Structures are given as structure tokens and as C-alpha cells.
Amino acid sequence: MTDTQNPSVASDANLDERADGNAPESGIDLDAVVAERDRYLDQLQRTAADFANYRRRIEQERAQQRLAANEQLLREIVPVLDDLQRGLNSLPPDQQESKLAEGMRWVEQKFLTTLKKHGVTPIKSLGQSFDPSVHEAVEADPAGGDTVVAVYAPGYRLGEDVLRPAMVKVGPGEDGKTARRQDG
């Protein structure tokens, strides 16, 4: 039996030919197939990375849209809290301990708790140096000064951003006697 007649010897010869990248009996170049496979694998990996980036970008955009919607809603709710607080401050002294006043204070606390839950915090203003990034001066003492001596409407932050600046009066503030809260 010759090498060509022995099937095991013939298959070993074919393996040797394929390892060299030559497959004369099938007409397929193994190097070309491997290169094509590598191109497809590279293309698949790039597509998977592009899709992961797309998904991350879409999630970020959705989060930004939610924040923008929440911010708008919170901007509209804060004036309602202001009105409630003005109502509490305008109650006559003999009604400060009434059931009505107690109920209004509970509602005020619910407002404040809900705002805090959504990342809204009040801006401390009274007695602080005037800061145009968080304060809006609506009145200035003729004597000058750069201290917040009265707060007409409190300011609020949403995270690190200013949701609404505090409306304040600016004046001299060397002593605590000039600082007071005013509504209205």
C-alpha cells in the first residue's frame, strides 16, 4: 500500500498542507479565512462598544431630562411654600397656638421634608456676606455695607445648583441687631 492509498497517511499529509496555509484540494486559503474572521471579530467588538456607549449616553440624557423636569416642578412648588410661610407669619399673636396654626406648621414641615428628599436645601442668608451667585438684592441700606440684613424670600439650592436665589436687603452688618427677617 502506498502513501496515497493509506488513508491515515493521506490525512496527515493534508493536515501538514493546511498548517502551511495551503489547501489545494479545497481551494480555500486558511490565512484569508483567519484574516476575515479577525475582521468580523473586530467589527463585532466595535459594534458592541458603540452600543454600550449609546446605551450609557441615552441613560445620561434620560437622567438629565428627569432632573430638568424635577427642577421645573420644584421651582413652581417653592412659591407655594413661601405663601404658606407668609400666612403663618401673618397670624395674629393670639392665634399662633391655634389648631389652624398647628396644621399650617405641619404642612410647612411636610413641604420642607419633601423638598429635602428631592435634594432642595435652603440657602443661609441672614447675616451672611452678600453673594450675587445666591442672593438677589432687592433693597440696599443707604449707609452701605455688604451684609444681608433682611431676607424677603428665602433662596434654595437643588444639589449644588441654585434653584432660586434669596431676595435680600443688603446693609451694614457689624452687629447682629440690624439683621432681621421680613416678609412682604
N, C-alpha and C. Protein backbone atom coordinates (compact mmCIF):
# COMPACT_ATOMS: atom_id res chain seq x y z
N MET A 1 0.85 -1.17 0.00
CA MET A 1 0.00 0.00 0.00
C MET A 1 0.89 1.23 0.00
N THR A 2 0.59 2.14 -0.89
CA THR A 2 1.39 3.35 -0.99
C THR A 2 0.80 4.39 -0.05
N ASP A 3 1.54 5.54 0.09
CA ASP A 3 1.08 6.62 0.98
C ASP A 3 -0.25 7.17 0.53
N THR A 4 -0.48 7.18 -0.75
CA THR A 4 -1.74 7.72 -1.23
C THR A 4 -2.87 6.74 -1.01
N GLN A 5 -2.55 5.49 -0.90
CA GLN A 5 -3.59 4.51 -0.68
C GLN A 5 -3.93 4.38 0.79
N ASN A 6 -3.00 4.68 1.68
CA ASN A 6 -3.24 4.57 3.12
C ASN A 6 -3.97 5.82 3.60
N PRO A 7 -5.21 5.71 4.07
CA PRO A 7 -5.98 6.89 4.44
C PRO A 7 -5.36 7.66 5.60
N SER A 8 -4.75 7.02 6.54
CA SER A 8 -4.19 7.75 7.67
C SER A 8 -2.99 8.58 7.25
N VAL A 9 -2.19 8.09 6.34
CA VAL A 9 -1.03 8.82 5.86
C VAL A 9 -1.50 10.00 5.00
N ALA A 10 -2.53 9.79 4.21
CA ALA A 10 -3.04 10.85 3.34
C ALA A 10 -3.64 11.97 4.18
N SER A 11 -4.35 11.65 5.26
CA SER A 11 -4.93 12.71 6.08
C SER A 11 -3.84 13.47 6.81
N ASP A 12 -2.77 12.82 7.21
CA ASP A 12 -1.66 13.51 7.85
C ASP A 12 -1.01 14.49 6.87
N ALA A 13 -0.92 14.11 5.64
CA ALA A 13 -0.34 14.98 4.63
C ALA A 13 -1.23 16.19 4.41
N ASN A 14 -2.54 15.98 4.40
CA ASN A 14 -3.47 17.10 4.25
C ASN A 14 -3.36 18.06 5.42
N LEU A 15 -3.21 17.55 6.64
CA LEU A 15 -3.04 18.41 7.81
C LEU A 15 -1.79 19.25 7.68
N ASP A 16 -0.72 18.63 7.20
CA ASP A 16 0.51 19.38 7.02
C ASP A 16 0.32 20.49 6.00
N GLU A 17 -0.40 20.18 4.92
CA GLU A 17 -0.64 21.19 3.89
C GLU A 17 -1.50 22.33 4.44
N ARG A 18 -2.52 22.01 5.29
CA ARG A 18 -3.39 23.04 5.84
C ARG A 18 -2.62 23.90 6.84
N ALA A 19 -1.75 23.32 7.58
CA ALA A 19 -0.95 24.07 8.54
C ALA A 19 -0.07 25.07 7.81
N ASP A 20 0.36 24.73 6.61
CA ASP A 20 1.17 25.67 5.83
C ASP A 20 0.31 26.75 5.22
N GLY A 21 -1.01 26.64 5.35
CA GLY A 21 -1.90 27.63 4.76
C GLY A 21 -2.30 27.28 3.36
N ASN A 22 -1.94 26.11 2.92
CA ASN A 22 -2.27 25.69 1.57
C ASN A 22 -3.25 24.53 1.66
N ALA A 23 -4.36 24.69 1.04
CA ALA A 23 -5.34 23.61 0.98
C ALA A 23 -5.70 23.40 -0.48
N PRO A 24 -4.83 22.72 -1.19
CA PRO A 24 -5.02 22.62 -2.62
C PRO A 24 -6.29 21.88 -3.01
N GLU A 25 -6.70 20.88 -2.22
CA GLU A 25 -7.87 20.11 -2.64
C GLU A 25 -9.17 20.87 -2.44
N SER A 26 -9.23 21.84 -1.51
CA SER A 26 -10.49 22.57 -1.31
C SER A 26 -10.46 23.95 -1.94
N GLY A 27 -9.34 24.46 -2.25
CA GLY A 27 -9.24 25.77 -2.88
C GLY A 27 -9.42 26.93 -1.89
N ILE A 28 -9.36 26.67 -0.58
CA ILE A 28 -9.55 27.70 0.45
C ILE A 28 -8.21 28.05 1.06
N ASP A 29 -7.94 29.34 1.14
CA ASP A 29 -6.71 29.81 1.76
C ASP A 29 -7.00 30.05 3.24
N LEU A 30 -6.38 29.30 4.12
CA LEU A 30 -6.63 29.37 5.55
C LEU A 30 -6.25 30.75 6.12
N ASP A 31 -5.22 31.34 5.62
CA ASP A 31 -4.82 32.68 6.09
C ASP A 31 -5.89 33.71 5.77
N ALA A 32 -6.50 33.58 4.63
CA ALA A 32 -7.57 34.52 4.25
C ALA A 32 -8.79 34.33 5.15
N VAL A 33 -9.10 33.09 5.46
CA VAL A 33 -10.24 32.81 6.34
C VAL A 33 -9.98 33.36 7.74
N VAL A 34 -8.78 33.15 8.25
CA VAL A 34 -8.42 33.67 9.58
C VAL A 34 -8.46 35.19 9.57
N ALA A 35 -7.97 35.83 8.54
CA ALA A 35 -8.00 37.29 8.45
C ALA A 35 -9.44 37.81 8.39
N GLU A 36 -10.28 37.11 7.64
CA GLU A 36 -11.70 37.51 7.56
C GLU A 36 -12.38 37.34 8.92
N ARG A 37 -12.09 36.23 9.57
CA ARG A 37 -12.63 36.00 10.92
C ARG A 37 -12.21 37.12 11.87
N ASP A 38 -10.95 37.50 11.82
CA ASP A 38 -10.44 38.57 12.69
C ASP A 38 -11.12 39.90 12.39
N ARG A 39 -11.36 40.18 11.10
CA ARG A 39 -12.07 41.41 10.73
C ARG A 39 -13.49 41.40 11.31
N TYR A 40 -14.17 40.27 11.17
CA TYR A 40 -15.53 40.16 11.70
C TYR A 40 -15.53 40.31 13.24
N LEU A 41 -14.58 39.69 13.88
CA LEU A 41 -14.48 39.79 15.34
C LEU A 41 -14.23 41.23 15.76
N ASP A 42 -13.31 41.90 15.07
CA ASP A 42 -13.04 43.31 15.36
C ASP A 42 -14.28 44.17 15.15
N GLN A 43 -14.98 43.91 14.04
CA GLN A 43 -16.21 44.67 13.75
C GLN A 43 -17.27 44.41 14.83
N LEU A 44 -17.40 43.18 15.26
CA LEU A 44 -18.36 42.83 16.32
C LEU A 44 -18.00 43.54 17.63
N GLN A 45 -16.72 43.53 17.98
CA GLN A 45 -16.29 44.19 19.21
C GLN A 45 -16.54 45.70 19.15
N ARG A 46 -16.28 46.29 18.01
CA ARG A 46 -16.53 47.73 17.85
C ARG A 46 -18.03 48.04 17.94
N THR A 47 -18.84 47.21 17.33
CA THR A 47 -20.29 47.40 17.37
C THR A 47 -20.80 47.26 18.80
N ALA A 48 -20.28 46.28 19.53
CA ALA A 48 -20.69 46.10 20.93
C ALA A 48 -20.27 47.31 21.77
N ALA A 49 -19.08 47.83 21.54
CA ALA A 49 -18.62 49.02 22.29
C ALA A 49 -19.47 50.24 21.92
N ASP A 50 -19.77 50.39 20.63
CA ASP A 50 -20.62 51.51 20.20
C ASP A 50 -21.99 51.42 20.85
N PHE A 51 -22.55 50.23 20.92
CA PHE A 51 -23.87 50.05 21.53
C PHE A 51 -23.82 50.36 23.03
N ALA A 52 -22.76 49.91 23.71
CA ALA A 52 -22.62 50.20 25.15
C ALA A 52 -22.51 51.71 25.36
N ASN A 53 -21.76 52.40 24.52
CA ASN A 53 -21.64 53.86 24.63
C ASN A 53 -22.99 54.54 24.35
N TYR A 54 -23.71 54.05 23.36
CA TYR A 54 -25.03 54.59 23.03
C TYR A 54 -25.98 54.43 24.21
N ARG A 55 -26.00 53.24 24.79
CA ARG A 55 -26.89 52.98 25.91
C ARG A 55 -26.54 53.88 27.10
N ARG A 56 -25.26 54.05 27.39
CA ARG A 56 -24.83 54.91 28.50
C ARG A 56 -25.23 56.37 28.22
N ARG A 57 -25.06 56.82 26.99
CA ARG A 57 -25.42 58.18 26.61
C ARG A 57 -26.93 58.41 26.75
N ILE A 58 -27.72 57.45 26.32
CA ILE A 58 -29.18 57.55 26.43
C ILE A 58 -29.60 57.60 27.90
N GLU A 59 -28.99 56.79 28.74
CA GLU A 59 -29.32 56.80 30.18
C GLU A 59 -28.95 58.14 30.81
N GLN A 60 -27.83 58.72 30.41
CA GLN A 60 -27.44 60.03 30.92
C GLN A 60 -28.43 61.10 30.48
N GLU A 61 -28.86 61.04 29.23
CA GLU A 61 -29.83 62.01 28.72
C GLU A 61 -31.16 61.88 29.46
N ARG A 62 -31.59 60.67 29.73
CA ARG A 62 -32.83 60.45 30.47
C ARG A 62 -32.72 61.02 31.88
N ALA A 63 -31.58 60.79 32.52
CA ALA A 63 -31.37 61.31 33.88
C ALA A 63 -31.40 62.84 33.86
N GLN A 64 -30.79 63.45 32.86
CA GLN A 64 -30.80 64.91 32.75
C GLN A 64 -32.21 65.42 32.49
N GLN A 65 -32.99 64.71 31.70
CA GLN A 65 -34.37 65.11 31.45
C GLN A 65 -35.21 65.02 32.72
N ARG A 66 -34.99 63.95 33.50
CA ARG A 66 -35.71 63.83 34.78
C ARG A 66 -35.35 64.97 35.71
N LEU A 67 -34.06 65.29 35.80
CA LEU A 67 -33.63 66.40 36.66
C LEU A 67 -34.24 67.71 36.21
N ALA A 68 -34.26 67.94 34.90
CA ALA A 68 -34.84 69.19 34.39
C ALA A 68 -36.33 69.26 34.70
N ALA A 69 -37.03 68.14 34.56
CA ALA A 69 -38.46 68.12 34.87
C ALA A 69 -38.68 68.34 36.36
N ASN A 70 -37.88 67.68 37.20
CA ASN A 70 -37.99 67.87 38.64
C ASN A 70 -37.68 69.31 39.02
N GLU A 71 -36.65 69.88 38.40
CA GLU A 71 -36.27 71.25 38.71
C GLU A 71 -37.42 72.21 38.41
N GLN A 72 -38.05 72.03 37.27
CA GLN A 72 -39.17 72.89 36.90
C GLN A 72 -40.31 72.76 37.90
N LEU A 73 -40.64 71.54 38.28
CA LEU A 73 -41.71 71.31 39.25
C LEU A 73 -41.35 71.94 40.60
N LEU A 74 -40.12 71.77 41.03
CA LEU A 74 -39.69 72.33 42.31
C LEU A 74 -39.71 73.86 42.28
N ARG A 75 -39.35 74.44 41.15
CA ARG A 75 -39.41 75.91 41.01
C ARG A 75 -40.85 76.41 41.18
N GLU A 76 -41.81 75.60 40.75
CA GLU A 76 -43.20 76.00 40.87
C GLU A 76 -43.76 75.75 42.27
N ILE A 77 -43.19 74.79 43.00
CA ILE A 77 -43.68 74.46 44.34
C ILE A 77 -43.13 75.44 45.38
N VAL A 78 -41.91 75.91 45.21
CA VAL A 78 -41.29 76.79 46.21
C VAL A 78 -42.13 78.04 46.50
N PRO A 79 -42.73 78.71 45.52
CA PRO A 79 -43.58 79.86 45.84
C PRO A 79 -44.81 79.50 46.68
N VAL A 80 -45.31 78.27 46.53
CA VAL A 80 -46.43 77.83 47.37
C VAL A 80 -45.97 77.74 48.82
N LEU A 81 -44.78 77.23 49.04
CA LEU A 81 -44.21 77.19 50.39
C LEU A 81 -44.04 78.60 50.93
N ASP A 82 -43.58 79.53 50.09
CA ASP A 82 -43.44 80.93 50.51
C ASP A 82 -44.77 81.49 50.99
N ASP A 83 -45.82 81.23 50.23
CA ASP A 83 -47.15 81.74 50.61
C ASP A 83 -47.60 81.14 51.93
N LEU A 84 -47.37 79.86 52.12
CA LEU A 84 -47.74 79.22 53.38
C LEU A 84 -46.97 79.85 54.54
N GLN A 85 -45.68 80.08 54.36
CA GLN A 85 -44.88 80.69 55.42
C GLN A 85 -45.32 82.12 55.70
N ARG A 86 -45.66 82.86 54.65
CA ARG A 86 -46.18 84.22 54.86
C ARG A 86 -47.49 84.17 55.65
N GLY A 87 -48.34 83.19 55.34
CA GLY A 87 -49.58 83.02 56.08
C GLY A 87 -49.33 82.72 57.55
N LEU A 88 -48.37 81.88 57.82
CA LEU A 88 -48.01 81.58 59.21
C LEU A 88 -47.49 82.82 59.93
N ASN A 89 -46.67 83.59 59.26
CA ASN A 89 -46.09 84.79 59.87
C ASN A 89 -47.12 85.90 60.06
N SER A 90 -48.20 85.84 59.32
CA SER A 90 -49.19 86.92 59.43
C SER A 90 -50.31 86.60 60.43
N LEU A 91 -50.26 85.41 61.03
CA LEU A 91 -51.27 85.09 62.03
C LEU A 91 -51.13 86.02 63.24
N PRO A 92 -52.25 86.49 63.77
CA PRO A 92 -52.17 87.34 64.96
C PRO A 92 -51.56 86.57 66.14
N PRO A 93 -50.91 87.27 67.06
CA PRO A 93 -50.25 86.60 68.19
C PRO A 93 -51.18 85.68 68.98
N ASP A 94 -52.46 86.05 69.12
CA ASP A 94 -53.37 85.22 69.90
C ASP A 94 -53.76 83.93 69.17
N GLN A 95 -53.43 83.81 67.86
CA GLN A 95 -53.76 82.60 67.11
C GLN A 95 -52.53 81.75 66.79
N GLN A 96 -51.37 82.14 67.29
CA GLN A 96 -50.13 81.40 67.00
C GLN A 96 -50.17 79.96 67.52
N GLU A 97 -50.93 79.72 68.57
CA GLU A 97 -51.01 78.37 69.14
C GLU A 97 -52.33 77.67 68.79
N SER A 98 -53.09 78.20 67.86
CA SER A 98 -54.38 77.61 67.48
C SER A 98 -54.17 76.33 66.66
N LYS A 99 -55.24 75.58 66.52
CA LYS A 99 -55.21 74.36 65.71
C LYS A 99 -54.88 74.70 64.25
N LEU A 100 -55.36 75.83 63.76
CA LEU A 100 -55.08 76.26 62.39
C LEU A 100 -53.57 76.47 62.21
N ALA A 101 -52.96 77.18 63.15
CA ALA A 101 -51.52 77.44 63.07
C ALA A 101 -50.74 76.13 63.16
N GLU A 102 -51.18 75.24 64.03
CA GLU A 102 -50.51 73.95 64.18
C GLU A 102 -50.60 73.15 62.87
N GLY A 103 -51.77 73.13 62.24
CA GLY A 103 -51.93 72.43 60.96
C GLY A 103 -51.08 73.05 59.87
N MET A 104 -51.01 74.37 59.85
CA MET A 104 -50.18 75.05 58.83
C MET A 104 -48.70 74.71 59.04
N ARG A 105 -48.25 74.63 60.29
CA ARG A 105 -46.85 74.28 60.56
C ARG A 105 -46.57 72.84 60.13
N TRP A 106 -47.54 71.93 60.33
CA TRP A 106 -47.36 70.54 59.86
C TRP A 106 -47.22 70.50 58.35
N VAL A 107 -48.07 71.25 57.65
CA VAL A 107 -47.98 71.29 56.18
C VAL A 107 -46.63 71.89 55.76
N GLU A 108 -46.20 72.92 56.46
CA GLU A 108 -44.90 73.53 56.15
C GLU A 108 -43.79 72.50 56.32
N GLN A 109 -43.83 71.72 57.41
CA GLN A 109 -42.81 70.70 57.64
C GLN A 109 -42.85 69.62 56.56
N LYS A 110 -44.03 69.25 56.11
CA LYS A 110 -44.14 68.27 55.02
C LYS A 110 -43.53 68.82 53.74
N PHE A 111 -43.80 70.08 53.46
CA PHE A 111 -43.19 70.72 52.29
C PHE A 111 -41.66 70.65 52.40
N LEU A 112 -41.14 71.09 53.53
CA LEU A 112 -39.69 71.14 53.71
C LEU A 112 -39.07 69.74 53.65
N THR A 113 -39.74 68.75 54.23
CA THR A 113 -39.24 67.37 54.19
C THR A 113 -39.24 66.84 52.76
N THR A 114 -40.30 67.11 52.04
CA THR A 114 -40.39 66.65 50.65
C THR A 114 -39.33 67.32 49.79
N LEU A 115 -39.15 68.61 49.96
CA LEU A 115 -38.12 69.31 49.19
C LEU A 115 -36.74 68.75 49.51
N LYS A 116 -36.48 68.51 50.79
CA LYS A 116 -35.17 67.96 51.19
C LYS A 116 -34.96 66.58 50.58
N LYS A 117 -36.02 65.77 50.56
CA LYS A 117 -35.95 64.43 49.97
C LYS A 117 -35.53 64.50 48.51
N HIS A 118 -35.91 65.57 47.83
CA HIS A 118 -35.58 65.73 46.41
C HIS A 118 -34.34 66.59 46.20
N GLY A 119 -33.56 66.80 47.25
CA GLY A 119 -32.28 67.48 47.11
C GLY A 119 -32.33 68.99 47.23
N VAL A 120 -33.47 69.55 47.68
CA VAL A 120 -33.59 71.01 47.82
C VAL A 120 -33.25 71.39 49.25
N THR A 121 -32.33 72.34 49.38
CA THR A 121 -31.95 72.83 50.71
C THR A 121 -32.01 74.35 50.71
N PRO A 122 -32.38 74.94 51.87
CA PRO A 122 -32.43 76.41 51.94
C PRO A 122 -31.01 77.00 51.94
N ILE A 123 -30.91 78.19 51.41
CA ILE A 123 -29.63 78.92 51.40
C ILE A 123 -29.61 79.81 52.64
N LYS A 124 -28.59 79.66 53.45
CA LYS A 124 -28.45 80.54 54.62
C LYS A 124 -28.03 81.91 54.13
N SER A 125 -28.79 82.92 54.54
CA SER A 125 -28.53 84.26 54.02
C SER A 125 -28.37 85.30 55.11
N LEU A 126 -29.25 85.30 56.09
CA LEU A 126 -29.28 86.34 57.11
C LEU A 126 -27.94 86.42 57.84
N GLY A 127 -27.35 87.61 57.84
CA GLY A 127 -26.06 87.83 58.50
C GLY A 127 -24.86 87.43 57.66
N GLN A 128 -25.10 86.86 56.50
CA GLN A 128 -24.00 86.43 55.62
C GLN A 128 -23.57 87.59 54.72
N SER A 129 -22.37 87.50 54.20
CA SER A 129 -21.92 88.47 53.21
C SER A 129 -22.73 88.28 51.94
N PHE A 130 -23.05 89.39 51.28
CA PHE A 130 -23.82 89.32 50.05
C PHE A 130 -23.02 88.57 48.98
N ASP A 131 -23.65 87.60 48.38
CA ASP A 131 -23.04 86.80 47.31
C ASP A 131 -24.00 86.81 46.13
N PRO A 132 -23.66 87.50 45.04
CA PRO A 132 -24.60 87.61 43.92
C PRO A 132 -24.95 86.28 43.26
N SER A 133 -24.17 85.23 43.52
CA SER A 133 -24.50 83.93 42.93
C SER A 133 -25.64 83.24 43.66
N VAL A 134 -25.93 83.66 44.92
CA VAL A 134 -27.02 83.03 45.68
C VAL A 134 -28.01 84.03 46.24
N HIS A 135 -27.71 85.33 46.12
CA HIS A 135 -28.59 86.38 46.65
C HIS A 135 -29.01 87.32 45.53
N GLU A 136 -30.23 87.81 45.65
CA GLU A 136 -30.72 88.86 44.77
C GLU A 136 -31.06 90.04 45.66
N ALA A 137 -30.28 91.12 45.54
CA ALA A 137 -30.51 92.29 46.37
C ALA A 137 -31.69 93.08 45.81
N VAL A 138 -32.75 93.16 46.59
CA VAL A 138 -33.93 93.92 46.16
C VAL A 138 -34.01 95.25 46.90
N GLU A 139 -33.13 95.41 47.89
CA GLU A 139 -33.08 96.66 48.64
C GLU A 139 -31.68 96.79 49.24
N ALA A 140 -31.21 98.04 49.33
CA ALA A 140 -29.90 98.30 49.93
C ALA A 140 -30.03 99.43 50.93
N ASP A 141 -29.38 99.29 52.05
CA ASP A 141 -29.37 100.32 53.07
C ASP A 141 -28.53 101.48 52.55
N PRO A 142 -29.02 102.72 52.69
CA PRO A 142 -28.26 103.88 52.20
C PRO A 142 -26.90 104.02 52.89
N ALA A 143 -26.76 103.45 54.06
CA ALA A 143 -25.48 103.54 54.77
C ALA A 143 -24.42 102.64 54.15
N GLY A 144 -24.82 101.82 53.20
CA GLY A 144 -23.86 100.93 52.53
C GLY A 144 -23.74 99.62 53.28
N GLY A 145 -22.72 98.86 52.94
CA GLY A 145 -22.48 97.57 53.57
C GLY A 145 -22.73 96.44 52.60
N ASP A 146 -22.20 95.29 52.95
CA ASP A 146 -22.35 94.12 52.07
C ASP A 146 -22.84 92.89 52.83
N THR A 147 -23.57 93.14 53.91
CA THR A 147 -24.11 92.04 54.70
C THR A 147 -25.61 91.95 54.47
N VAL A 148 -26.12 90.74 54.42
CA VAL A 148 -27.56 90.53 54.27
C VAL A 148 -28.19 90.84 55.63
N VAL A 149 -29.02 91.91 55.65
CA VAL A 149 -29.64 92.34 56.91
C VAL A 149 -31.12 91.97 56.98
N ALA A 150 -31.71 91.58 55.87
CA ALA A 150 -33.11 91.14 55.86
C ALA A 150 -33.31 90.18 54.70
N VAL A 151 -34.16 89.18 54.91
CA VAL A 151 -34.49 88.20 53.88
C VAL A 151 -35.98 88.34 53.57
N TYR A 152 -36.30 88.70 52.34
CA TYR A 152 -37.69 88.86 51.93
C TYR A 152 -38.26 87.53 51.43
N ALA A 153 -37.44 86.74 50.75
CA ALA A 153 -37.83 85.40 50.29
C ALA A 153 -36.60 84.51 50.35
N PRO A 154 -36.71 83.37 51.01
CA PRO A 154 -35.53 82.51 51.14
C PRO A 154 -35.12 81.94 49.78
N GLY A 155 -33.83 81.66 49.67
CA GLY A 155 -33.31 81.03 48.47
C GLY A 155 -33.16 79.54 48.71
N TYR A 156 -33.09 78.79 47.62
CA TYR A 156 -32.97 77.33 47.71
C TYR A 156 -31.96 76.82 46.70
N ARG A 157 -31.27 75.76 47.09
CA ARG A 157 -30.35 75.04 46.20
C ARG A 157 -30.98 73.70 45.83
N LEU A 158 -30.70 73.27 44.63
CA LEU A 158 -31.05 71.93 44.19
C LEU A 158 -29.72 71.24 43.93
N GLY A 159 -29.28 70.45 44.89
CA GLY A 159 -27.94 69.88 44.83
C GLY A 159 -26.94 71.01 45.01
N GLU A 160 -26.06 71.18 44.06
CA GLU A 160 -25.08 72.26 44.11
C GLU A 160 -25.54 73.50 43.35
N ASP A 161 -26.60 73.37 42.57
CA ASP A 161 -27.10 74.48 41.76
C ASP A 161 -28.10 75.32 42.55
N VAL A 162 -28.20 76.59 42.19
CA VAL A 162 -29.18 77.47 42.82
C VAL A 162 -30.52 77.28 42.13
N LEU A 163 -31.51 76.83 42.91
CA LEU A 163 -32.87 76.68 42.38
C LEU A 163 -33.53 78.04 42.30
N ARG A 164 -33.36 78.83 43.37
CA ARG A 164 -33.87 80.19 43.39
C ARG A 164 -33.00 81.00 44.34
N PRO A 165 -32.51 82.17 43.90
CA PRO A 165 -31.70 82.99 44.81
C PRO A 165 -32.59 83.61 45.89
N ALA A 166 -31.98 83.90 47.02
CA ALA A 166 -32.70 84.56 48.12
C ALA A 166 -32.87 86.04 47.77
N MET A 167 -34.07 86.57 48.01
CA MET A 167 -34.30 88.01 47.81
C MET A 167 -34.01 88.69 49.14
N VAL A 168 -33.02 89.60 49.13
CA VAL A 168 -32.49 90.13 50.39
C VAL A 168 -32.32 91.64 50.35
N LYS A 169 -32.14 92.18 51.56
CA LYS A 169 -31.75 93.57 51.74
C LYS A 169 -30.30 93.55 52.21
N VAL A 170 -29.49 94.43 51.63
CA VAL A 170 -28.07 94.49 51.96
C VAL A 170 -27.80 95.78 52.71
N GLY A 171 -26.98 95.69 53.73
CA GLY A 171 -26.63 96.87 54.51
C GLY A 171 -25.46 96.58 55.43
N PRO A 172 -25.19 97.53 56.34
CA PRO A 172 -24.10 97.30 57.30
C PRO A 172 -24.51 96.19 58.26
N GLY A 173 -23.58 95.36 58.60
CA GLY A 173 -23.93 94.23 59.46
C GLY A 173 -22.89 93.96 60.52
N GLU A 174 -22.28 95.01 61.05
CA GLU A 174 -21.24 94.80 62.04
C GLU A 174 -21.78 94.21 63.33
N ASP A 175 -23.06 94.43 63.64
CA ASP A 175 -23.64 93.79 64.82
C ASP A 175 -24.90 93.03 64.41
N GLY A 176 -25.31 92.09 65.21
CA GLY A 176 -26.47 91.27 64.91
C GLY A 176 -27.79 92.01 65.05
N LYS A 177 -27.77 93.24 65.57
CA LYS A 177 -29.04 93.96 65.78
C LYS A 177 -29.69 94.40 64.48
N THR A 178 -28.92 94.58 63.42
CA THR A 178 -29.52 95.05 62.18
C THR A 178 -30.10 93.90 61.35
N ALA A 179 -29.72 92.66 61.66
CA ALA A 179 -30.22 91.53 60.89
C ALA A 179 -31.61 91.12 61.37
N ARG A 180 -32.54 91.01 60.43
CA ARG A 180 -33.89 90.58 60.77
C ARG A 180 -34.53 89.98 59.52
N ARG A 181 -35.57 89.21 59.75
CA ARG A 181 -36.31 88.62 58.62
C ARG A 181 -37.56 89.47 58.40
N GLN A 182 -37.81 89.76 57.13
CA GLN A 182 -39.02 90.48 56.77
C GLN A 182 -39.73 89.68 55.71
N ASP A 183 -41.03 89.70 55.77
CA ASP A 183 -41.84 89.09 54.72
C ASP A 183 -42.72 90.14 54.15
N GLY A 184 -42.82 90.17 52.88
CA GLY A 184 -43.80 91.03 52.27
C GLY A 184 -43.29 92.14 51.53
